[in-house]
Amino acid sequence: MTKISPQFAEDLKQYGEDTALECFNCGTCVAICPLIDGSFPRKLIRYVQIGAKDRILLNRNELWKCLHCGLCSESCPRGADPGGILLSLKRYAVASWRKS
């Protein structure tokens, strides 16, 4: 069962990016991503929005797929900076790993 942490998007600010709540899941980042791998990075951003921290950690290997090419951030119509969000999630995953 997934535990929901409503304040997670706010907590993520300490790892860098605070624009996850700007995203409205339009899918532009998925369409432009050179990985063309399912719903990456859209799914992980949605996990941030709903506070599904355990889902992010379960899918942490997906975070390392990001090439940080910047295409998703350049094309985001809301300025949500998906690449920056993924970088913050990487920092969060590493910090969580160190704690365990």
PDB file of N, CA and C in Angstrom:
ATOM      1  N   MET A   1       0.831  -1.178   0.000  1.00  0.00           N
ATOM      2  CA  MET A   1       0.000   0.000   0.000  1.00  0.00           C
ATOM      3  C   MET A   1       0.878   1.244   0.000  1.00  0.00           C
ATOM      4  N   THR A   2       0.517   2.188  -0.825  1.00  0.00           N
ATOM      5  CA  THR A   2       1.264   3.434  -0.932  1.00  0.00           C
ATOM      6  C   THR A   2       0.853   4.399   0.168  1.00  0.00           C
ATOM      7  N   LYS A   3       1.851   4.931   0.858  1.00  0.00           N
ATOM      8  CA  LYS A   3       1.599   5.963   1.856  1.00  0.00           C
ATOM      9  C   LYS A   3       1.705   7.314   1.162  1.00  0.00           C
ATOM     10  N   ILE A   4       0.766   8.171   1.448  1.00  0.00           N
ATOM     11  CA  ILE A   4       0.728   9.492   0.837  1.00  0.00           C
ATOM     12  C   ILE A   4       1.229  10.526   1.836  1.00  0.00           C
ATOM     13  N   SER A   5       2.129  11.383   1.353  1.00  0.00           N
ATOM     14  CA  SER A   5       2.686  12.454   2.171  1.00  0.00           C
ATOM     15  C   SER A   5       2.375  13.780   1.471  1.00  0.00           C
ATOM     16  N   PRO A   6       1.263  14.426   1.831  1.00  0.00           N
ATOM     17  CA  PRO A   6       0.822  15.631   1.129  1.00  0.00           C
ATOM     18  C   PRO A   6       1.846  16.767   1.091  1.00  0.00           C
ATOM     19  N   GLN A   7       2.729  16.830   2.053  1.00  0.00           N
ATOM     20  CA  GLN A   7       3.719  17.905   2.097  1.00  0.00           C
ATOM     21  C   GLN A   7       4.999  17.568   1.330  1.00  0.00           C
ATOM     22  N   PHE A   8       5.040  16.436   0.640  1.00  0.00           N
ATOM     23  CA  PHE A   8       6.288  16.012  -0.001  1.00  0.00           C
ATOM     24  C   PHE A   8       6.801  17.023  -1.031  1.00  0.00           C
ATOM     25  N   ALA A   9       5.923  17.609  -1.836  1.00  0.00           N
ATOM     26  CA  ALA A   9       6.378  18.596  -2.825  1.00  0.00           C
ATOM     27  C   ALA A   9       7.071  19.764  -2.128  1.00  0.00           C
ATOM     28  N   GLU A  10       6.555  20.150  -0.988  1.00  0.00           N
ATOM     29  CA  GLU A  10       7.173  21.220  -0.203  1.00  0.00           C
ATOM     30  C   GLU A  10       8.519  20.744   0.376  1.00  0.00           C
ATOM     31  N   ASP A  11       8.555  19.520   0.873  1.00  0.00           N
ATOM     32  CA  ASP A  11       9.790  18.956   1.433  1.00  0.00           C
ATOM     33  C   ASP A  11      10.884  18.831   0.383  1.00  0.00           C
ATOM     34  N   LEU A  12      10.499  18.616  -0.858  1.00  0.00           N
ATOM     35  CA  LEU A  12      11.474  18.425  -1.936  1.00  0.00           C
ATOM     36  C   LEU A  12      12.288  19.694  -2.206  1.00  0.00           C
ATOM     37  N   LYS A  13      11.781  20.829  -1.778  1.00  0.00           N
ATOM     38  CA  LYS A  13      12.492  22.100  -1.981  1.00  0.00           C
ATOM     39  C   LYS A  13      13.900  22.064  -1.397  1.00  0.00           C
ATOM     40  N   GLN A  14      14.085  21.324  -0.311  1.00  0.00           N
ATOM     41  CA  GLN A  14      15.412  21.264   0.304  1.00  0.00           C
ATOM     42  C   GLN A  14      16.435  20.556  -0.587  1.00  0.00           C
ATOM     43  N   TYR A  15      15.954  19.862  -1.605  1.00  0.00           N
ATOM     44  CA  TYR A  15      16.844  19.168  -2.539  1.00  0.00           C
ATOM     45  C   TYR A  15      17.025  19.933  -3.845  1.00  0.00           C
ATOM     46  N   GLY A  16      16.388  21.102  -3.942  1.00  0.00           N
ATOM     47  CA  GLY A  16      16.649  21.957  -5.088  1.00  0.00           C
ATOM     48  C   GLY A  16      15.435  22.543  -5.777  1.00  0.00           C
ATOM     49  N   GLU A  17      14.597  21.750  -6.337  1.00  0.00           N
ATOM     50  CA  GLU A  17      13.536  22.237  -7.221  1.00  0.00           C
ATOM     51  C   GLU A  17      12.204  22.372  -6.490  1.00  0.00           C
ATOM     52  N   ASP A  18      11.479  23.417  -6.820  1.00  0.00           N
ATOM     53  CA  ASP A  18      10.180  23.611  -6.171  1.00  0.00           C
ATOM     54  C   ASP A  18       9.056  23.881  -7.171  1.00  0.00           C
ATOM     55  N   THR A  19       9.190  23.383  -8.378  1.00  0.00           N
ATOM     56  CA  THR A  19       8.183  23.659  -9.406  1.00  0.00           C
ATOM     57  C   THR A  19       7.301  22.460  -9.729  1.00  0.00           C
ATOM     58  N   ALA A  20       7.374  21.401  -8.959  1.00  0.00           N
ATOM     59  CA  ALA A  20       6.602  20.192  -9.272  1.00  0.00           C
ATOM     60  C   ALA A  20       5.101  20.455  -9.299  1.00  0.00           C
ATOM     61  N   LEU A  21       4.640  21.347  -8.458  1.00  0.00           N
ATOM     62  CA  LEU A  21       3.208  21.624  -8.412  1.00  0.00           C
ATOM     63  C   LEU A  21       2.748  22.495  -9.578  1.00  0.00           C
ATOM     64  N   GLU A  22       3.685  23.059 -10.323  1.00  0.00           N
ATOM     65  CA  GLU A  22       3.345  23.835 -11.523  1.00  0.00           C
ATOM     66  C   GLU A  22       2.919  22.914 -12.664  1.00  0.00           C
ATOM     67  N   CYS A  23       3.406  21.700 -12.663  1.00  0.00           N
ATOM     68  CA  CYS A  23       3.130  20.728 -13.728  1.00  0.00           C
ATOM     69  C   CYS A  23       1.663  20.323 -13.714  1.00  0.00           C
ATOM     70  N   PHE A  24       1.031  20.310 -14.874  1.00  0.00           N
ATOM     71  CA  PHE A  24      -0.341  19.826 -14.948  1.00  0.00           C
ATOM     72  C   PHE A  24      -0.442  18.556 -15.782  1.00  0.00           C
ATOM     73  N   ASN A  25       0.685  17.843 -15.902  1.00  0.00           N
ATOM     74  CA  ASN A  25       0.743  16.531 -16.544  1.00  0.00           C
ATOM     75  C   ASN A  25       0.201  16.525 -17.966  1.00  0.00           C
ATOM     76  N   CYS A  26       0.613  17.512 -18.754  1.00  0.00           N
ATOM     77  CA  CYS A  26       0.147  17.603 -20.141  1.00  0.00           C
ATOM     78  C   CYS A  26       0.813  16.559 -21.035  1.00  0.00           C
ATOM     79  N   GLY A  27       1.995  16.088 -20.640  1.00  0.00           N
ATOM     80  CA  GLY A  27       2.698  15.073 -21.408  1.00  0.00           C
ATOM     81  C   GLY A  27       3.714  15.620 -22.391  1.00  0.00           C
ATOM     82  N   THR A  28       3.921  16.932 -22.427  1.00  0.00           N
ATOM     83  CA  THR A  28       4.899  17.516 -23.343  1.00  0.00           C
ATOM     84  C   THR A  28       6.294  16.974 -23.067  1.00  0.00           C
ATOM     85  N   CYS A  29       6.635  16.790 -21.797  1.00  0.00           N
ATOM     86  CA  CYS A  29       7.965  16.275 -21.440  1.00  0.00           C
ATOM     87  C   CYS A  29       8.152  14.846 -21.950  1.00  0.00           C
ATOM     88  N   VAL A  30       7.080  14.071 -21.912  1.00  0.00           N
ATOM     89  CA  VAL A  30       7.142  12.688 -22.404  1.00  0.00           C
ATOM     90  C   VAL A  30       7.357  12.683 -23.918  1.00  0.00           C
ATOM     91  N   ALA A  31       6.655  13.577 -24.600  1.00  0.00           N
ATOM     92  CA  ALA A  31       6.734  13.631 -26.062  1.00  0.00           C
ATOM     93  C   ALA A  31       8.106  14.078 -26.552  1.00  0.00           C
ATOM     94  N   ILE A  32       8.776  14.945 -25.801  1.00  0.00           N
ATOM     95  CA  ILE A  32      10.049  15.509 -26.255  1.00  0.00           C
ATOM     96  C   ILE A  32      11.262  14.719 -25.749  1.00  0.00           C
ATOM     97  N   CYS A  33      11.078  13.898 -24.729  1.00  0.00           N
ATOM     98  CA  CYS A  33      12.193  13.171 -24.116  1.00  0.00           C
ATOM     99  C   CYS A  33      12.816  12.186 -25.109  1.00  0.00           C
ATOM    100  N   PRO A  34      14.141  12.270 -25.297  1.00  0.00           N
ATOM    101  CA  PRO A  34      14.801  11.355 -26.236  1.00  0.00           C
ATOM    102  C   PRO A  34      14.793   9.895 -25.775  1.00  0.00           C
ATOM    103  N   LEU A  35      14.448   9.647 -24.527  1.00  0.00           N
ATOM    104  CA  LEU A  35      14.422   8.270 -24.032  1.00  0.00           C
ATOM    105  C   LEU A  35      13.240   7.494 -24.599  1.00  0.00           C
ATOM    106  N   ILE A  36      12.151   8.188 -24.875  1.00  0.00           N
ATOM    107  CA  ILE A  36      10.918   7.566 -25.366  1.00  0.00           C
ATOM    108  C   ILE A  36      10.661   6.269 -24.594  1.00  0.00           C
ATOM    109  N   ASP A  37      10.523   6.425 -23.288  1.00  0.00           N
ATOM    110  CA  ASP A  37      10.358   5.283 -22.398  1.00  0.00           C
ATOM    111  C   ASP A  37       9.088   5.434 -21.574  1.00  0.00           C
ATOM    112  N   GLY A  38       7.977   5.001 -22.115  1.00  0.00           N
ATOM    113  CA  GLY A  38       6.714   5.049 -21.383  1.00  0.00           C
ATOM    114  C   GLY A  38       6.299   6.449 -21.024  1.00  0.00           C
ATOM    115  N   SER A  39       6.101   6.683 -19.744  1.00  0.00           N
ATOM    116  CA  SER A  39       5.631   7.984 -19.272  1.00  0.00           C
ATOM    117  C   SER A  39       6.703   8.735 -18.482  1.00  0.00           C
ATOM    118  N   PHE A  40       7.947   8.481 -18.794  1.00  0.00           N
ATOM    119  CA  PHE A  40       9.064   9.167 -18.133  1.00  0.00           C
ATOM    120  C   PHE A  40       9.196  10.566 -18.725  1.00  0.00           C
ATOM    121  N   PRO A  41       9.327  11.606 -17.971  1.00  0.00           N
ATOM    122  CA  PRO A  41       9.412  11.775 -16.517  1.00  0.00           C
ATOM    123  C   PRO A  41       8.068  12.085 -15.858  1.00  0.00           C
ATOM    124  N   ARG A  42       7.028  12.121 -16.638  1.00  0.00           N
ATOM    125  CA  ARG A  42       5.696  12.505 -16.175  1.00  0.00           C
ATOM    126  C   ARG A  42       5.239  11.723 -14.931  1.00  0.00           C
ATOM    127  N   LYS A  43       5.459  10.422 -14.950  1.00  0.00           N
ATOM    128  CA  LYS A  43       5.016   9.573 -13.841  1.00  0.00           C
ATOM    129  C   LYS A  43       5.690   9.973 -12.528  1.00  0.00           C
ATOM    130  N   LEU A  44       6.983  10.217 -12.567  1.00  0.00           N
ATOM    131  CA  LEU A  44       7.703  10.559 -11.344  1.00  0.00           C
ATOM    132  C   LEU A  44       7.270  11.920 -10.809  1.00  0.00           C
ATOM    133  N   ILE A  45       6.980  12.851 -11.699  1.00  0.00           N
ATOM    134  CA  ILE A  45       6.503  14.165 -11.262  1.00  0.00           C
ATOM    135  C   ILE A  45       5.133  14.033 -10.614  1.00  0.00           C
ATOM    136  N   ARG A  46       4.305  13.183 -11.182  1.00  0.00           N
ATOM    137  CA  ARG A  46       2.985  12.959 -10.591  1.00  0.00           C
ATOM    138  C   ARG A  46       3.120  12.345  -9.201  1.00  0.00           C
ATOM    139  N   TYR A  47       4.064  11.445  -9.012  1.00  0.00           N
ATOM    140  CA  TYR A  47       4.311  10.874  -7.682  1.00  0.00           C
ATOM    141  C   TYR A  47       4.672  11.972  -6.675  1.00  0.00           C
ATOM    142  N   VAL A  48       5.459  12.958  -7.108  1.00  0.00           N
ATOM    143  CA  VAL A  48       5.794  14.077  -6.227  1.00  0.00           C
ATOM    144  C   VAL A  48       4.520  14.826  -5.852  1.00  0.00           C
ATOM    145  N   GLN A  49       3.705  15.105  -6.839  1.00  0.00           N
ATOM    146  CA  GLN A  49       2.494  15.891  -6.606  1.00  0.00           C
ATOM    147  C   GLN A  49       1.531  15.231  -5.625  1.00  0.00           C
ATOM    148  N   ILE A  50       1.426  13.929  -5.686  1.00  0.00           N
ATOM    149  CA  ILE A  50       0.495  13.248  -4.782  1.00  0.00           C
ATOM    150  C   ILE A  50       1.180  12.788  -3.490  1.00  0.00           C
ATOM    151  N   GLY A  51       2.482  12.992  -3.402  1.00  0.00           N
ATOM    152  CA  GLY A  51       3.206  12.647  -2.183  1.00  0.00           C
ATOM    153  C   GLY A  51       3.519  11.178  -2.026  1.00  0.00           C
ATOM    154  N   ALA A  52       3.670  10.475  -3.132  1.00  0.00           N
ATOM    155  CA  ALA A  52       3.952   9.034  -3.095  1.00  0.00           C
ATOM    156  C   ALA A  52       5.465   8.793  -3.020  1.00  0.00           C
ATOM    157  N   LYS A  53       6.054   9.131  -1.879  1.00  0.00           N
ATOM    158  CA  LYS A  53       7.507   9.005  -1.704  1.00  0.00           C
ATOM    159  C   LYS A  53       7.989   7.581  -1.894  1.00  0.00           C
ATOM    160  N   ASP A  54       7.239   6.613  -1.398  1.00  0.00           N
ATOM    161  CA  ASP A  54       7.676   5.223  -1.524  1.00  0.00           C
ATOM    162  C   ASP A  54       7.685   4.775  -2.983  1.00  0.00           C
ATOM    163  N   ARG A  55       6.772   5.279  -3.791  1.00  0.00           N
ATOM    164  CA  ARG A  55       6.761   4.944  -5.221  1.00  0.00           C
ATOM    165  C   ARG A  55       7.984   5.521  -5.924  1.00  0.00           C
ATOM    166  N   ILE A  56       8.392   6.705  -5.520  1.00  0.00           N
ATOM    167  CA  ILE A  56       9.594   7.320  -6.088  1.00  0.00           C
ATOM    168  C   ILE A  56      10.801   6.463  -5.749  1.00  0.00           C
ATOM    169  N   LEU A  57      10.890   6.050  -4.495  1.00  0.00           N
ATOM    170  CA  LEU A  57      12.030   5.231  -4.090  1.00  0.00           C
ATOM    171  C   LEU A  57      12.007   3.855  -4.743  1.00  0.00           C
ATOM    172  N   LEU A  58      10.816   3.296  -4.949  1.00  0.00           N
ATOM    173  CA  LEU A  58      10.713   2.011  -5.645  1.00  0.00           C
ATOM    174  C   LEU A  58      11.144   2.127  -7.107  1.00  0.00           C
ATOM    175  N   ASN A  59      10.951   3.295  -7.685  1.00  0.00           N
ATOM    176  CA  ASN A  59      11.295   3.535  -9.091  1.00  0.00           C
ATOM    177  C   ASN A  59      12.557   4.384  -9.230  1.00  0.00           C
ATOM    178  N   ARG A  60      13.388   4.410  -8.193  1.00  0.00           N
ATOM    179  CA  ARG A  60      14.557   5.301  -8.209  1.00  0.00           C
ATOM    180  C   ARG A  60      15.524   5.018  -9.351  1.00  0.00           C
ATOM    181  N   ASN A  61      15.574   3.795  -9.831  1.00  0.00           N
ATOM    182  CA  ASN A  61      16.471   3.497 -10.954  1.00  0.00           C
ATOM    183  C   ASN A  61      16.076   4.270 -12.203  1.00  0.00           C
ATOM    184  N   GLU A  62      14.787   4.587 -12.333  1.00  0.00           N
ATOM    185  CA  GLU A  62      14.333   5.372 -13.480  1.00  0.00           C
ATOM    186  C   GLU A  62      14.915   6.778 -13.465  1.00  0.00           C
ATOM    187  N   LEU A  63      15.189   7.311 -12.283  1.00  0.00           N
ATOM    188  CA  LEU A  63      15.737   8.662 -12.179  1.00  0.00           C
ATOM    189  C   LEU A  63      17.056   8.794 -12.931  1.00  0.00           C
ATOM    190  N   TRP A  64      17.835   7.736 -12.936  1.00  0.00           N
ATOM    191  CA  TRP A  64      19.166   7.795 -13.527  1.00  0.00           C
ATOM    192  C   TRP A  64      19.137   7.676 -15.042  1.00  0.00           C
ATOM    193  N   LYS A  65      17.949   7.484 -15.617  1.00  0.00           N
ATOM    194  CA  LYS A  65      17.815   7.472 -17.073  1.00  0.00           C
ATOM    195  C   LYS A  65      17.935   8.874 -17.655  1.00  0.00           C
ATOM    196  N   CYS A  66      17.601   9.868 -16.863  1.00  0.00           N
ATOM    197  CA  CYS A  66      17.576  11.253 -17.345  1.00  0.00           C
ATOM    198  C   CYS A  66      18.970  11.705 -17.768  1.00  0.00           C
ATOM    199  N   LEU A  67      19.053  12.220 -18.989  1.00  0.00           N
ATOM    200  CA  LEU A  67      20.322  12.692 -19.544  1.00  0.00           C
ATOM    201  C   LEU A  67      20.579  14.165 -19.232  1.00  0.00           C
ATOM    202  N   HIS A  68      19.607  14.828 -18.637  1.00  0.00           N
ATOM    203  CA  HIS A  68      19.665  16.270 -18.347  1.00  0.00           C
ATOM    204  C   HIS A  68      20.008  17.072 -19.598  1.00  0.00           C
ATOM    205  N   CYS A  69      19.346  16.707 -20.677  1.00  0.00           N
ATOM    206  CA  CYS A  69      19.548  17.427 -21.941  1.00  0.00           C
ATOM    207  C   CYS A  69      18.822  18.762 -21.946  1.00  0.00           C
ATOM    208  N   GLY A  70      17.796  18.900 -21.095  1.00  0.00           N
ATOM    209  CA  GLY A  70      17.065  20.150 -20.978  1.00  0.00           C
ATOM    210  C   GLY A  70      15.867  20.307 -21.901  1.00  0.00           C
ATOM    211  N   LEU A  71      15.635  19.337 -22.779  1.00  0.00           N
ATOM    212  CA  LEU A  71      14.524  19.460 -23.723  1.00  0.00           C
ATOM    213  C   LEU A  71      13.175  19.540 -23.015  1.00  0.00           C
ATOM    214  N   CYS A  72      12.987  18.743 -21.983  1.00  0.00           N
ATOM    215  CA  CYS A  72      11.707  18.755 -21.269  1.00  0.00           C
ATOM    216  C   CYS A  72      11.473  20.102 -20.597  1.00  0.00           C
ATOM    217  N   SER A  73      12.505  20.647 -19.996  1.00  0.00           N
ATOM    218  CA  SER A  73      12.373  21.925 -19.303  1.00  0.00           C
ATOM    219  C   SER A  73      12.141  23.073 -20.279  1.00  0.00           C
ATOM    220  N   GLU A  74      12.808  23.030 -21.425  1.00  0.00           N
ATOM    221  CA  GLU A  74      12.623  24.067 -22.443  1.00  0.00           C
ATOM    222  C   GLU A  74      11.218  24.049 -23.035  1.00  0.00           C
ATOM    223  N   SER A  75      10.631  22.864 -23.138  1.00  0.00           N
ATOM    224  CA  SER A  75       9.340  22.749 -23.807  1.00  0.00           C
ATOM    225  C   SER A  75       8.147  22.787 -22.862  1.00  0.00           C
ATOM    226  N   CYS A  76       8.370  22.810 -21.556  1.00  0.00           N
ATOM    227  CA  CYS A  76       7.266  22.792 -20.598  1.00  0.00           C
ATOM    228  C   CYS A  76       6.458  24.092 -20.700  1.00  0.00           C
ATOM    229  N   PRO A  77       5.166  23.975 -21.029  1.00  0.00           N
ATOM    230  CA  PRO A  77       4.344  25.182 -21.167  1.00  0.00           C
ATOM    231  C   PRO A  77       4.063  25.902 -19.850  1.00  0.00           C
ATOM    232  N   ARG A  78       4.275  25.243 -18.745  1.00  0.00           N
ATOM    233  CA  ARG A  78       4.036  25.854 -17.429  1.00  0.00           C
ATOM    234  C   ARG A  78       5.318  26.263 -16.713  1.00  0.00           C
ATOM    235  N   GLY A  79       6.479  25.967 -17.315  1.00  0.00           N
ATOM    236  CA  GLY A  79       7.745  26.306 -16.679  1.00  0.00           C
ATOM    237  C   GLY A  79       8.042  25.461 -15.454  1.00  0.00           C
ATOM    238  N   ALA A  80       7.585  24.227 -15.464  1.00  0.00           N
ATOM    239  CA  ALA A  80       7.750  23.358 -14.300  1.00  0.00           C
ATOM    240  C   ALA A  80       9.160  22.778 -14.169  1.00  0.00           C
ATOM    241  N   ASP A  81       9.979  22.867 -15.179  1.00  0.00           N
ATOM    242  CA  ASP A  81      11.361  22.373 -15.135  1.00  0.00           C
ATOM    243  C   ASP A  81      11.452  20.894 -14.735  1.00  0.00           C
ATOM    244  N   PRO A  82      10.902  19.997 -15.555  1.00  0.00           N
ATOM    245  CA  PRO A  82      10.954  18.569 -15.237  1.00  0.00           C
ATOM    246  C   PRO A  82      12.368  18.051 -14.995  1.00  0.00           C
ATOM    247  N   GLY A  83      13.340  18.535 -15.748  1.00  0.00           N
ATOM    248  CA  GLY A  83      14.718  18.096 -15.552  1.00  0.00           C
ATOM    249  C   GLY A  83      15.241  18.472 -14.176  1.00  0.00           C
ATOM    250  N   GLY A  84      14.899  19.669 -13.725  1.00  0.00           N
ATOM    251  CA  GLY A  84      15.293  20.108 -12.387  1.00  0.00           C
ATOM    252  C   GLY A  84      14.612  19.297 -11.300  1.00  0.00           C
ATOM    253  N   ILE A  85      13.357  18.946 -11.541  1.00  0.00           N
ATOM    254  CA  ILE A  85      12.628  18.115 -10.582  1.00  0.00           C
ATOM    255  C   ILE A  85      13.295  16.746 -10.465  1.00  0.00           C
ATOM    256  N   LEU A  86      13.682  16.169 -11.597  1.00  0.00           N
ATOM    257  CA  LEU A  86      14.349  14.863 -11.569  1.00  0.00           C
ATOM    258  C   LEU A  86      15.693  14.944 -10.853  1.00  0.00           C
ATOM    259  N   LEU A  87      16.402  16.043 -11.050  1.00  0.00           N
ATOM    260  CA  LEU A  87      17.678  16.216 -10.345  1.00  0.00           C
ATOM    261  C   LEU A  87      17.438  16.289  -8.832  1.00  0.00           C
ATOM    262  N   SER A  88      16.399  17.000  -8.422  1.00  0.00           N
ATOM    263  CA  SER A  88      16.053  17.061  -6.997  1.00  0.00           C
ATOM    264  C   SER A  88      15.668  15.687  -6.466  1.00  0.00           C
ATOM    265  N   LEU A  89      14.940  14.919  -7.287  1.00  0.00           N
ATOM    266  CA  LEU A  89      14.558  13.566  -6.877  1.00  0.00           C
ATOM    267  C   LEU A  89      15.776  12.659  -6.748  1.00  0.00           C
ATOM    268  N   LYS A  90      16.765  12.858  -7.596  1.00  0.00           N
ATOM    269  CA  LYS A  90      18.014  12.091  -7.458  1.00  0.00           C
ATOM    270  C   LYS A  90      18.669  12.399  -6.114  1.00  0.00           C
ATOM    271  N   ARG A  91      18.707  13.680  -5.776  1.00  0.00           N
ATOM    272  CA  ARG A  91      19.289  14.074  -4.487  1.00  0.00           C
ATOM    273  C   ARG A  91      18.506  13.464  -3.330  1.00  0.00           C
ATOM    274  N   TYR A  92      17.193  13.479  -3.444  1.00  0.00           N
ATOM    275  CA  TYR A  92      16.339  12.884  -2.417  1.00  0.00           C
ATOM    276  C   TYR A  92      16.600  11.380  -2.294  1.00  0.00           C
ATOM    277  N   ALA A  93      16.694  10.699  -3.418  1.00  0.00           N
ATOM    278  CA  ALA A  93      16.932   9.249  -3.406  1.00  0.00           C
ATOM    279  C   ALA A  93      18.273   8.919  -2.779  1.00  0.00           C
ATOM    280  N   VAL A  94      19.298   9.686  -3.097  1.00  0.00           N
ATOM    281  CA  VAL A  94      20.623   9.456  -2.516  1.00  0.00           C
ATOM    282  C   VAL A  94      20.586   9.700  -1.011  1.00  0.00           C
ATOM    283  N   ALA A  95      19.934  10.788  -0.587  1.00  0.00           N
ATOM    284  CA  ALA A  95      19.840  11.084   0.842  1.00  0.00           C
ATOM    285  C   ALA A  95      19.068   9.987   1.572  1.00  0.00           C
ATOM    286  N   SER A  96      18.015   9.470   0.966  1.00  0.00           N
ATOM    287  CA  SER A  96      17.234   8.392   1.568  1.00  0.00           C
ATOM    288  C   SER A  96      18.056   7.114   1.670  1.00  0.00           C
ATOM    289  N   TRP A  97      18.860   6.852   0.656  1.00  0.00           N
ATOM    290  CA  TRP A  97      19.721   5.667   0.648  1.00  0.00           C
ATOM    291  C   TRP A  97      20.754   5.766   1.766  1.00  0.00           C
ATOM    292  N   ARG A  98      21.316   6.955   1.943  1.00  0.00           N
ATOM    293  CA  ARG A  98      22.327   7.146   2.994  1.00  0.00           C
ATOM    294  C   ARG A  98      21.754   6.952   4.388  1.00  0.00           C
ATOM    295  N   LYS A  99      20.483   7.315   4.572  1.00  0.00           N
ATOM    296  CA  LYS A  99      19.831   7.181   5.871  1.00  0.00           C
ATOM    297  C   LYS A  99      19.541   5.722   6.229  1.00  0.00           C
ATOM    298  N   SER A 100      19.381   4.890   5.210  1.00  0.00           N
ATOM    299  CA  SER A 100      19.005   3.497   5.484  1.00  0.00           C
ATOM    300  C   SER A 100      20.198   2.602   5.735  1.00  0.00           C
TER     301      SER A 100
END
